[in-house]
Amino acid sequence: MDIIETIKEQIASNRILLYMKGSPNAPQCGFSARTVEALMACGERFAYVDILSNPDIRATLPEYANWPTFPQLWVNGELVGGCDIVTEMYESGELQALIKEGATAPAAE
């Protein structure tokens, strides 16, 4: 399976997916840490991919997503954005609604 197919499969099979540096318990950058904090505060489970241990994904995802930076939050197959967007959405209450909806929606196909 080529790397684009792997990325598509990850996005399709996880309702809430975070591409980040490190893991939720041990983020490897401040942006990933802030994004995880906002996501965890929403109270729903989410999947993650550590791009530091997946260099092919790290190299390919920005082009695929047309989004140059990490972390990247995907909900129901759609790119939500990075740290700033996620943080702003959390502060406004939009993220909680999106994550709750994402957790209960059927998986993207």
Protein backbone atom coordinates (compact mmCIF):
# COMPACT_ATOMS: atom_id res chain seq x y z
CA MET A 1 0.00 0.00 0.00
CA ASP A 2 1.47 3.36 -0.90
CA ILE A 3 1.64 6.18 1.62
CA ILE A 4 -1.32 8.12 0.17
CA GLU A 5 -3.48 5.01 0.48
CA THR A 6 -2.28 4.57 4.07
CA ILE A 7 -3.23 8.17 4.91
CA LYS A 8 -6.65 7.80 3.24
CA GLU A 9 -7.27 4.56 5.17
CA GLN A 10 -6.28 6.18 8.49
CA ILE A 11 -8.56 9.15 7.90
CA ALA A 12 -11.46 6.98 6.73
CA SER A 13 -11.26 4.50 9.59
CA ASN A 14 -10.96 6.99 12.47
CA ARG A 15 -13.78 9.43 13.19
CA ILE A 16 -11.44 11.70 15.16
CA LEU A 17 -7.78 11.55 14.15
CA LEU A 18 -4.87 13.72 15.18
CA TYR A 19 -1.59 13.72 13.29
CA MET A 20 0.87 15.01 15.86
CA LYS A 21 4.45 15.03 17.07
CA GLY A 22 4.68 12.43 19.83
CA SER A 23 1.72 10.86 21.61
CA PRO A 24 -1.14 12.31 23.65
CA ASN A 25 0.64 11.26 26.86
CA ALA A 26 4.01 12.57 25.67
CA PRO A 27 3.61 15.30 23.04
CA GLN A 28 6.90 16.32 21.42
CA CYS A 29 6.03 19.96 20.68
CA GLY A 30 4.00 22.71 22.27
CA PHE A 31 1.53 22.90 19.40
CA SER A 32 0.74 19.20 19.68
CA ALA A 33 0.46 19.53 23.47
CA ARG A 34 -2.05 22.40 23.23
CA THR A 35 -4.10 20.57 20.61
CA VAL A 36 -4.20 17.37 22.70
CA GLU A 37 -5.21 19.38 25.76
CA ALA A 38 -8.18 20.89 23.89
CA LEU A 39 -9.19 17.51 22.44
CA MET A 40 -8.94 15.70 25.77
CA ALA A 41 -11.07 18.40 27.41
CA CYS A 42 -13.84 17.46 24.96
CA GLY A 43 -14.06 14.06 26.64
CA GLU A 44 -14.18 11.81 23.56
CA ARG A 45 -11.72 9.17 22.43
CA PHE A 46 -9.54 9.99 19.45
CA ALA A 47 -6.90 8.24 17.41
CA TYR A 48 -3.49 9.67 16.73
CA VAL A 49 -0.52 9.11 14.46
CA ASP A 50 2.95 10.11 15.65
CA ILE A 51 4.50 11.72 12.58
CA LEU A 52 7.97 11.62 14.16
CA SER A 53 7.94 7.82 14.02
CA ASN A 54 6.24 7.85 10.58
CA PRO A 55 8.53 9.97 8.36
CA ASP A 56 6.72 9.00 5.14
CA ILE A 57 3.44 10.33 6.53
CA ARG A 58 5.21 13.41 7.86
CA ALA A 59 6.59 14.11 4.38
CA THR A 60 3.42 13.30 2.41
CA LEU A 61 0.48 14.48 4.53
CA PRO A 62 1.05 18.24 4.15
CA GLU A 63 0.77 17.92 0.37
CA TYR A 64 -2.21 15.56 0.55
CA ALA A 65 -4.05 17.80 3.04
CA ASN A 66 -2.90 21.07 1.49
CA TRP A 67 -1.96 22.06 5.05
CA PRO A 68 1.74 22.62 5.70
CA THR A 69 2.04 22.17 9.46
CA PHE A 70 1.42 19.75 12.30
CA PRO A 71 -0.59 18.89 14.27
CA GLN A 72 -3.53 18.23 11.96
CA LEU A 73 -6.96 17.34 13.33
CA TRP A 74 -9.32 15.37 11.10
CA VAL A 75 -12.95 14.75 12.03
CA ASN A 76 -15.16 12.49 9.92
CA GLY A 77 -12.77 12.60 6.99
CA GLU A 78 -12.45 16.40 6.94
CA LEU A 79 -9.42 18.43 7.93
CA VAL A 80 -10.36 20.78 10.78
CA GLY A 81 -6.97 22.46 11.05
CA GLY A 82 -3.99 22.87 13.30
CA CYS A 83 -3.27 24.12 16.79
CA ASP A 84 -4.49 27.72 16.41
CA ILE A 85 -7.79 26.71 14.80
CA VAL A 86 -8.41 23.90 17.29
CA THR A 87 -7.62 26.19 20.23
CA GLU A 88 -9.89 28.96 18.94
CA MET A 89 -12.68 26.46 18.30
CA TYR A 90 -12.29 25.08 21.82
CA GLU A 91 -12.45 28.55 23.38
CA SER A 92 -15.62 29.39 21.41
CA GLY A 93 -17.29 26.05 22.19
CA GLU A 94 -17.31 24.93 18.54
CA LEU A 95 -14.76 22.16 19.06
CA GLN A 96 -16.79 20.43 21.77
CA ALA A 97 -19.83 20.26 19.47
CA LEU A 98 -17.75 19.08 16.50
CA ILE A 99 -15.98 16.39 18.52
CA LYS A 100 -19.23 15.17 20.10
CA GLU A 101 -20.81 14.99 16.65
CA GLY A 102 -17.70 13.31 15.23
CA ALA A 103 -17.67 10.69 17.97
CA THR A 104 -21.26 9.65 17.28
CA ALA A 105 -21.34 9.91 13.48
CA PRO A 106 -20.80 6.87 11.28
CA ALA A 107 -17.18 6.46 10.20
CA ALA A 108 -16.26 8.23 6.97
CA GLU A 109 -16.10 6.03 3.89
